[in-house]
Protein backbone atom coordinates (compact mmCIF):
# COMPACT_ATOMS: atom_id res chain seq x y z
CA UNK A 1 18.65 -11.60 -2.58
CA UNK A 2 18.04 -10.46 0.99
CA UNK A 3 16.23 -12.94 3.18
CA UNK A 4 15.87 -11.00 6.45
CA UNK A 5 15.42 -7.35 7.37
CA UNK A 6 18.92 -7.44 8.91
CA UNK A 7 20.34 -7.75 5.38
CA UNK A 8 19.09 -4.25 4.50
CA UNK A 9 21.51 -2.53 6.93
CA UNK A 10 18.81 -0.15 8.14
CA UNK A 11 19.36 2.40 10.89
CA UNK A 12 19.38 0.87 14.37
CA UNK A 13 16.20 2.74 15.39
CA UNK A 14 14.28 1.18 12.48
CA UNK A 15 15.74 -2.27 13.17
CA UNK A 16 14.48 -1.97 16.77
CA UNK A 17 11.01 -1.02 15.55
CA UNK A 18 10.91 -3.89 13.04
CA UNK A 19 11.90 -6.39 15.71
CA UNK A 20 9.30 -4.95 18.08
CA UNK A 21 6.62 -5.42 15.42
CA UNK A 22 7.68 -9.05 14.95
CA UNK A 23 8.76 -8.63 11.32
CA UNK A 24 11.48 -11.10 10.31
CA UNK A 25 11.22 -12.05 6.64
CA UNK A 26 10.56 -9.37 4.00
CA UNK A 27 7.76 -9.91 1.50
CA UNK A 28 8.69 -10.08 -2.22
CA UNK A 29 7.91 -6.39 -2.79
CA UNK A 30 9.96 -5.40 0.26
CA UNK A 31 12.82 -7.65 -0.81
CA UNK A 32 13.06 -5.94 -4.20
CA UNK A 33 11.99 -2.36 -3.48
CA UNK A 34 13.83 -1.61 -0.23
CA UNK A 35 17.42 -2.12 -1.52
CA UNK A 36 16.67 -0.16 -4.71
CA UNK A 37 15.06 2.69 -2.76
CA UNK A 38 17.97 2.75 -0.31
CA UNK A 39 20.21 3.45 -3.30
CA UNK A 40 18.12 6.56 -3.96
CA UNK A 41 16.52 5.34 -7.19
CA UNK A 42 13.09 6.46 -8.39
CA UNK A 43 10.82 3.40 -8.35
CA UNK A 44 7.62 2.48 -10.18
CA UNK A 45 6.25 -0.58 -8.42
CA UNK A 46 3.36 -2.83 -9.40
CA UNK A 47 2.23 -4.94 -6.47
CA UNK A 48 -1.04 -6.50 -5.37
CA UNK A 49 -2.83 -5.28 -2.28
CA UNK A 50 -1.79 -6.87 1.01
CA UNK A 51 1.79 -7.38 -0.24
CA UNK A 52 3.53 -5.24 2.38
CA UNK A 53 4.17 -2.25 0.10
CA UNK A 54 3.71 0.33 2.89
CA UNK A 55 6.87 -0.89 4.64
CA UNK A 56 8.56 -1.09 1.23
CA UNK A 57 8.33 2.69 0.81
CA UNK A 58 8.43 3.84 4.46
CA UNK A 59 11.53 1.96 5.64
CA UNK A 60 14.01 3.25 3.02
CA UNK A 61 12.74 6.85 3.16
CA UNK A 62 12.69 6.88 6.97
CA UNK A 63 16.20 5.42 6.89
CA UNK A 64 17.39 8.45 4.93
CA UNK A 65 15.71 10.72 7.51
CA UNK A 66 17.37 8.86 10.39
CA UNK A 67 20.79 9.38 8.80
CA UNK A 68 20.37 13.14 8.31
CA UNK A 69 22.92 15.21 10.24
CA UNK A 70 21.07 18.49 9.90
CA UNK A 71 17.69 17.89 11.56
CA UNK A 72 16.10 21.21 12.55
CA UNK A 73 15.57 21.34 16.36
CA UNK A 74 12.04 20.42 17.46
CA UNK A 75 11.26 23.82 19.04
CA UNK A 76 12.28 25.64 15.86
CA UNK A 77 10.14 23.33 13.75
CA UNK A 78 7.08 23.95 15.91
CA UNK A 79 7.37 27.72 15.35
CA UNK A 80 7.93 27.61 11.59
CA UNK A 81 5.68 26.66 8.66
CA UNK A 82 5.74 22.87 8.32
CA UNK A 83 8.28 21.67 5.74
CA UNK A 84 8.21 17.86 5.65
CA UNK A 85 11.08 15.69 4.43
CA UNK A 86 8.87 12.75 3.48
CA UNK A 87 5.49 13.19 1.79
CA UNK A 88 3.13 10.28 1.13
CA UNK A 89 0.07 10.92 -1.06
CA UNK A 90 -2.86 8.53 -0.56
CA UNK A 91 -6.14 8.38 -2.51
CA UNK A 92 -8.47 7.88 0.46
CA UNK A 93 -8.73 8.99 4.07
CA UNK A 94 -8.74 5.41 5.33
CA UNK A 95 -5.52 4.56 3.50
CA UNK A 96 -3.86 7.78 4.69
CA UNK A 97 -4.71 6.90 8.29
CA UNK A 98 -3.39 3.35 7.90
CA UNK A 99 -0.09 4.56 6.39
CA UNK A 100 0.24 7.17 9.14
CA UNK A 101 -0.22 4.52 11.84
CA UNK A 102 2.43 2.33 10.19
CA UNK A 103 4.85 5.28 10.00
CA UNK A 104 4.31 6.08 13.69
CA UNK A 105 5.12 2.45 14.56
CA UNK A 106 8.35 2.59 12.54
CA UNK A 107 9.62 5.89 14.04
CA UNK A 108 8.94 4.81 17.62
CA UNK A 109 12.66 4.85 18.47
CA UNK A 110 13.62 7.87 16.33
CA UNK A 111 13.88 10.86 18.67
CA UNK A 112 11.98 14.00 17.77
CA UNK A 113 10.42 12.67 14.55
CA UNK A 114 6.80 13.71 14.09
CA UNK A 115 4.32 12.06 11.73
CA UNK A 116 1.06 13.74 10.68
CA UNK A 117 -1.92 12.74 8.54
CA UNK A 118 -3.95 15.42 6.79
CA UNK A 119 -7.17 14.65 4.97
CA UNK A 120 -10.59 16.03 4.12
CA UNK A 121 -13.51 15.61 6.50
CA UNK A 122 -11.56 16.77 9.56
CA UNK A 123 -11.50 20.30 11.09
CA UNK A 124 -8.78 22.53 9.63
CA UNK A 125 -7.69 23.90 13.01
CA UNK A 126 -7.08 20.48 14.53
CA UNK A 127 -5.11 19.31 11.50
CA UNK A 128 -2.97 22.45 11.40
CA UNK A 129 -2.02 21.79 15.04
CA UNK A 130 -1.17 18.14 14.30
CA UNK A 131 0.85 19.23 11.29
CA UNK A 132 3.20 21.51 13.25
CA UNK A 133 6.80 20.34 13.08
CA UNK A 134 6.05 17.10 11.17
CA UNK A 135 8.87 15.70 9.04
CA UNK A 136 6.66 12.88 7.71
CA UNK A 137 3.29 13.87 6.25
CA UNK A 138 0.69 11.47 4.85
CA UNK A 139 -2.02 13.31 2.94
CA UNK A 140 -4.93 13.11 0.56
CA UNK A 141 -4.29 15.43 -2.41
CA UNK A 142 -7.16 17.93 -2.02
CA UNK A 143 -6.61 18.76 1.64
CA UNK A 144 -2.83 18.98 1.12
CA UNK A 145 -3.23 21.60 -1.62
CA UNK A 146 -5.75 23.49 0.54
CA UNK A 147 -3.18 23.72 3.34
CA UNK A 148 -0.45 24.75 0.87
CA UNK A 149 -2.72 27.58 -0.32
CA UNK A 150 -3.35 28.58 3.30
CA UNK A 151 0.46 28.69 3.80
CA UNK A 152 0.34 26.08 6.55
CA UNK A 153 2.75 23.73 4.75
CA UNK A 154 5.54 24.15 2.21
CA UNK A 155 6.82 21.31 0.04
CA UNK A 156 10.17 22.79 -0.99
CA UNK A 157 12.09 20.65 1.55
CA UNK A 158 10.54 17.33 0.52
CA UNK A 159 13.30 14.78 -0.13
CA UNK A 160 11.07 11.77 -0.89
CA UNK A 161 7.65 11.91 -2.55
CA UNK A 162 5.61 8.71 -2.44
CA UNK A 163 2.45 8.22 -4.52
CA UNK A 164 0.54 5.26 -3.08
CA UNK A 165 -2.11 3.46 -5.16
CA UNK A 166 -1.57 5.70 -8.17
CA UNK A 167 -4.21 3.82 -10.19
CA UNK A 168 -6.87 4.60 -7.61
CA UNK A 169 -5.65 8.21 -7.53
CA UNK A 170 -6.34 8.54 -11.25
CA UNK A 171 -9.72 6.78 -10.88
CA UNK A 172 -10.70 9.52 -8.43
CA UNK A 173 -9.61 12.33 -10.77
CA UNK A 174 -6.50 13.45 -8.90
CA UNK A 175 -4.17 13.59 -11.93
CA UNK A 176 -3.85 17.41 -11.98
CA UNK A 177 -3.51 17.58 -8.20
CA UNK A 178 -0.67 15.04 -8.32
CA UNK A 179 1.19 17.03 -10.94
CA UNK A 180 0.69 20.24 -8.91
CA UNK A 181 2.11 18.50 -5.83
CA UNK A 182 5.01 17.20 -7.94
CA UNK A 183 5.79 20.77 -9.05
CA UNK A 184 5.60 22.08 -5.46
CA UNK A 185 8.03 19.37 -4.35
CA UNK A 186 10.39 19.97 -7.27
CA UNK A 187 13.51 19.88 -5.05
CA UNK A 188 12.95 16.26 -4.08
CA UNK A 189 15.68 13.65 -4.44
CA UNK A 190 13.44 10.63 -4.93
CA UNK A 191 9.95 9.66 -6.14
CA UNK A 192 8.36 6.29 -5.40
CA UNK A 193 5.10 5.34 -7.11
CA UNK A 194 3.04 2.25 -6.28
CA UNK A 195 0.17 0.96 -8.43
CA UNK A 196 -1.79 -2.25 -8.95
CA UNK A 197 -0.87 -2.20 -12.65
CA UNK A 198 1.52 -0.65 -15.18
CA UNK A 199 -1.41 0.60 -17.27
CA UNK A 200 -0.50 3.19 -19.96
CA UNK A 201 -2.01 6.04 -17.92
CA UNK A 202 0.25 5.10 -14.97
CA UNK A 203 3.31 5.07 -17.21
CA UNK A 204 2.32 8.51 -18.57
CA UNK A 205 1.96 9.87 -15.03
CA UNK A 206 5.31 8.36 -14.02
CA UNK A 207 7.05 9.91 -17.02
CA UNK A 208 5.78 13.34 -15.96
CA UNK A 209 6.68 12.98 -12.28
CA UNK A 210 9.73 10.71 -12.17
CA UNK A 211 13.33 10.58 -13.30
CA UNK A 212 14.09 7.39 -15.25
CA UNK A 213 12.33 5.14 -12.71
CA UNK A 214 13.31 1.55 -12.13
CA UNK A 215 10.30 -0.73 -12.63
CA UNK A 216 9.53 -3.52 -10.19
CA UNK A 217 6.61 -5.83 -10.99
CA UNK A 218 5.65 -8.30 -8.28
CA UNK A 219 2.39 -9.55 -9.77
CA UNK A 220 -0.05 -8.23 -12.32
CA UNK A 221 -2.98 -6.20 -11.09
CA UNK A 222 -5.32 -8.91 -12.40
CA UNK A 223 -3.91 -11.52 -10.07
CA UNK A 224 -5.39 -12.34 -6.70
CA UNK A 225 -3.66 -13.70 -3.62
CA UNK A 226 -3.27 -17.47 -3.90
CA UNK A 227 -3.90 -17.74 -0.13
CA UNK A 228 -7.51 -16.65 -0.71
CA UNK A 229 -10.16 -19.27 -1.53
CA UNK A 230 -12.69 -17.72 -3.91
CA UNK A 231 -16.25 -19.02 -4.05
CA UNK A 232 -19.29 -18.02 -6.11
CA UNK A 233 -22.89 -18.62 -5.08
CA UNK A 234 -25.68 -18.16 -7.61
CA UNK A 235 -28.76 -16.65 -5.99
CA UNK A 236 -32.40 -15.96 -6.82
CA UNK A 237 -32.26 -12.35 -5.63
CA UNK A 238 -31.87 -10.03 -2.66
CA UNK A 239 -33.68 -12.14 -0.05
CA UNK A 240 -31.81 -15.30 -1.11
CA UNK A 241 -28.54 -13.36 -0.84
CA UNK A 242 -29.43 -12.33 2.73
CA UNK A 243 -30.02 -15.98 3.71
CA UNK A 244 -26.65 -17.01 2.27
CA UNK A 245 -24.98 -14.06 4.00
CA UNK A 246 -26.44 -15.07 7.36
CA UNK A 247 -25.31 -18.67 6.75
CA UNK A 248 -21.71 -17.62 6.07
CA UNK A 249 -21.50 -15.14 8.95
CA UNK A 250 -22.76 -17.82 11.35
CA UNK A 251 -19.89 -20.12 10.36
CA UNK A 252 -17.49 -20.87 13.22
CA UNK A 253 -14.49 -20.30 10.91
CA UNK A 254 -15.26 -16.55 10.67
CA UNK A 255 -12.88 -14.49 12.83
CA UNK A 256 -13.85 -11.14 11.33
CA UNK A 257 -15.59 -10.38 8.02
CA UNK A 258 -16.07 -7.51 5.61
CA UNK A 259 -19.36 -7.48 3.70
CA UNK A 260 -19.35 -5.24 0.62
CA UNK A 261 -22.64 -3.67 -0.46
CA UNK A 262 -23.30 -1.70 -3.66
CA UNK A 263 -25.00 1.34 -2.11
CA UNK A 264 -24.99 3.34 1.11
CA UNK A 265 -28.65 2.39 1.64
CA UNK A 266 -27.87 -1.35 1.35
CA UNK A 267 -24.93 -0.90 3.73
CA UNK A 268 -27.09 0.64 6.47
CA UNK A 269 -29.94 -1.81 5.90
CA UNK A 270 -27.72 -4.92 6.02
CA UNK A 271 -25.86 -3.71 9.11
CA UNK A 272 -29.16 -3.01 10.87
CA UNK A 273 -30.60 -6.45 10.03
CA UNK A 274 -27.42 -8.26 11.07
CA UNK A 275 -27.34 -6.34 14.36
CA UNK A 276 -30.99 -7.30 14.99
CA UNK A 277 -29.95 -10.92 14.40
CA UNK A 278 -27.50 -10.58 17.29
CA UNK A 279 -24.26 -10.14 15.34
CA UNK A 280 -21.56 -7.63 16.30
CA UNK A 281 -21.55 -5.32 13.27
CA UNK A 282 -20.66 -1.78 12.17
CA UNK A 283 -21.39 -0.01 8.87
CA UNK A 284 -19.02 2.24 6.90
CA UNK A 285 -19.68 4.47 3.89
CA UNK A 286 -18.70 7.84 2.47
CA UNK A 287 -21.72 9.80 3.76
CA UNK A 288 -20.62 9.36 7.37
CA UNK A 289 -18.61 12.07 9.17
CA UNK A 290 -14.92 11.23 9.36
CA UNK A 291 -15.02 10.97 13.16
CA UNK A 292 -17.72 8.27 12.92
CA UNK A 293 -15.74 6.41 10.25
CA UNK A 294 -12.62 6.54 12.44
CA UNK A 295 -14.52 5.21 15.45
CA UNK A 296 -16.02 2.32 13.49
CA UNK A 297 -12.73 1.37 11.85
CA UNK A 298 -11.12 1.37 15.30
CA UNK A 299 -13.79 -1.03 16.61
CA UNK A 300 -12.90 -3.45 13.79
CA UNK A 301 -9.14 -3.08 14.28
CA UNK A 302 -9.45 -3.62 18.02
CA UNK A 303 -11.74 -6.63 17.56
CA UNK A 304 -14.74 -5.11 19.34
CA UNK A 305 -16.83 -5.55 16.18
CA UNK A 306 -16.78 -8.78 14.21
CA UNK A 307 -18.40 -7.67 10.94
CA UNK A 308 -17.90 -4.55 8.85
CA UNK A 309 -20.54 -3.80 6.22
CA UNK A 310 -19.09 -1.28 3.77
CA UNK A 311 -19.15 0.32 0.37
CA UNK A 312 -15.93 0.44 -1.64
CA UNK A 313 -14.78 3.42 0.44
CA UNK A 314 -13.18 0.81 2.73
CA UNK A 315 -11.91 -1.47 -0.02
CA UNK A 316 -8.45 0.07 0.09
CA UNK A 317 -6.44 0.93 3.15
CA UNK A 318 -8.16 -1.42 5.62
CA UNK A 319 -5.42 -3.62 7.07
CA UNK A 320 -6.74 -5.97 9.76
CA UNK A 321 -4.93 -9.36 9.72
CA UNK A 322 -7.79 -11.12 11.54
CA UNK A 323 -10.27 -10.55 8.67
CA UNK A 324 -10.88 -14.14 7.58
CA UNK A 325 -13.78 -13.59 5.16
CA UNK A 326 -14.78 -11.05 2.52
CA UNK A 327 -18.33 -11.35 1.19
CA UNK A 328 -19.36 -9.54 -1.97
CA UNK A 329 -23.08 -9.04 -1.29
CA UNK A 330 -23.15 -6.56 -4.18
CA UNK A 331 -20.79 -6.88 -7.14
CA UNK A 332 -18.11 -4.18 -7.53
CA UNK A 333 -18.52 -1.58 -10.26
CA UNK A 334 -15.04 -2.30 -11.65
CA UNK A 335 -13.20 -5.60 -11.94
CA UNK A 336 -10.09 -4.02 -10.36
CA UNK A 337 -12.16 -3.30 -7.25
CA UNK A 338 -12.84 -7.02 -6.84
CA UNK A 339 -9.10 -7.62 -6.44
CA UNK A 340 -8.83 -4.85 -3.87
CA UNK A 341 -11.96 -5.95 -2.00
CA UNK A 342 -10.85 -9.53 -1.51
CA UNK A 343 -7.36 -8.30 -0.63
CA UNK A 344 -8.78 -7.33 2.78
CA UNK A 345 -8.37 -11.00 3.73
CA UNK A 346 -5.45 -13.40 3.33
CA UNK A 347 -3.02 -10.70 4.45
CA UNK A 348 0.52 -11.14 5.78
CA UNK A 349 0.74 -14.82 4.83
CA UNK A 350 -2.62 -15.85 6.32
CA UNK A 351 -5.32 -17.70 4.43
CA UNK A 352 -8.67 -16.11 3.66
CA UNK A 353 -12.05 -16.69 2.05
CA UNK A 354 -13.79 -14.53 -0.55
CA UNK A 355 -17.45 -15.30 -1.25
CA UNK A 356 -19.34 -13.63 -4.09
CA UNK A 357 -23.14 -13.65 -4.24
CA UNK A 358 -24.60 -13.07 -7.71
CA UNK A 359 -27.91 -13.48 -9.55
CA UNK A 360 -28.18 -15.15 -12.95
CA UNK A 361 -28.95 -11.72 -14.41
CA UNK A 362 -25.41 -10.73 -13.35
CA UNK A 363 -23.74 -13.61 -15.18
CA UNK A 364 -22.36 -11.20 -17.81
CA UNK A 365 -20.53 -9.31 -15.06
CA UNK A 366 -19.23 -12.55 -13.58
CA UNK A 367 -18.03 -13.68 -17.01
CA UNK A 368 -16.20 -10.35 -17.49
CA UNK A 369 -14.67 -10.64 -14.00
CA UNK A 370 -13.43 -14.18 -14.69
CA UNK A 371 -11.93 -13.03 -17.99
CA UNK A 372 -10.21 -10.19 -16.14
CA UNK A 373 -8.84 -12.60 -13.51
CA UNK A 374 -8.03 -15.21 -16.17
CA UNK A 375 -9.58 -17.75 -13.80
CA UNK A 376 -12.92 -19.35 -13.06
CA UNK A 377 -14.57 -18.84 -9.68
CA UNK A 378 -15.53 -22.03 -7.83
CA UNK A 379 -19.31 -22.37 -7.88
CA UNK A 380 -20.75 -23.77 -4.67
CA UNK A 381 -24.21 -24.48 -3.26
CA UNK A 382 -25.34 -24.70 0.36
CA UNK A 383 -27.71 -27.55 1.17
CA UNK A 384 -31.17 -26.11 1.76
CA UNK A 385 -30.22 -22.80 0.13
CA UNK A 386 -29.78 -23.95 -3.47
CA UNK A 387 -30.76 -21.48 -6.22
CA UNK A 388 -33.59 -22.14 -8.64
CA UNK A 389 -32.47 -23.79 -11.91
CA UNK A 390 -30.81 -21.25 -14.22
CA UNK A 391 -32.74 -19.95 -17.20
CA UNK A 392 -32.17 -21.97 -20.34
CA UNK A 393 -29.37 -20.57 -22.49
CA UNK A 394 -26.50 -21.69 -24.66
CA UNK A 395 -23.45 -23.13 -22.95
CA UNK A 396 -20.29 -21.04 -23.02
CA UNK A 397 -17.39 -22.60 -24.86
CA UNK A 398 -19.10 -25.95 -24.52
CA UNK A 399 -19.05 -25.73 -20.69
CA UNK A 400 -21.96 -25.94 -18.28
CA UNK A 401 -22.65 -24.61 -14.83
CA UNK A 402 -20.42 -26.00 -12.11
CA UNK A 403 -21.91 -27.67 -9.04
CA UNK A 404 -20.61 -28.38 -5.54
CA UNK A 405 -17.34 -26.57 -5.96
CA UNK A 406 -16.83 -27.65 -9.56
CA UNK A 407 -15.11 -25.36 -12.03
CA UNK A 408 -16.99 -23.03 -14.30
CA UNK A 409 -18.33 -19.53 -13.75
CA UNK A 410 -21.99 -20.37 -14.25
């Protein structure tokens, strides 16, 4: 098995970029996926968030682009309808932007290679200009098909099609769009699909879009990063949750934090109250214009804001290594989203903390989450902020409620 990026025999321009980014040792998904993709195989990869999968699909496909002898001259590309060689489909705008930034970093030393991101929420005219002459396009499905219909992009020259976070794509109802994109890019040589799980619906999608794909499973979608310490606080309600939130965010160990709220209203309200308390905070949710979302994400990435309060719109695609804490102020709608939420911390080999605040009325949801994770969350109490005694009820499997970090979900 390869132990360094040098073992992959990548093009010199990519090797330069990797060294410049300080990458030395590939992650498990990179170690397995890159050699297989370099051989031109179709891949279906199951890997947890924060595992380094973006580099696992960008490096081998960019390597093929770097080794092409017949690159169309830049001036000719700028005049013609855009015909990308590499197409990455992402479920959300935030993830598309993150993948685009990573691709730009990797092609830094590749002369004449253009990377473009196209997504909803941005003016058509501006995106059409950015799209001109791009060989690498990262797109959300709806806007991509819009631009195909407007004859601003053709997919007949796509060599590599990458479907990132396929499970999320299906959650958002993009199944038909994906198949339409697959048909438009029918001349492709390779398809790479990444998903948190190998659920039956993912296998069905892969069978329709891929040619005898090799399966690579790094970890199950139910697993969480072992570098993340997960803690559960029982609370008496909304006001008690706010006190616990303030306690955690005042902790000196917090570098940067993401606070997840259940609704857009809660997101704005929490951000406003935290700002009034003197904390450096920005809010992010789907009702905001894309330009505002971009600006706020940039303030987190550049370290100008310490706390991001967000709905699940930011749960995938946010890659900021300095996020030390994730706080679930509101529980996620789906258990899978818990895994993706807490994956915002403990990235790239760092340790992280995930704190979940729940009321006793939500113990059924916590029980279901623990069953999904096949693990118990550590229950903890803060001195002076202890919850009221739980309502009397039968013990589960003979177990009681944990205290002071003891095991047991409730």
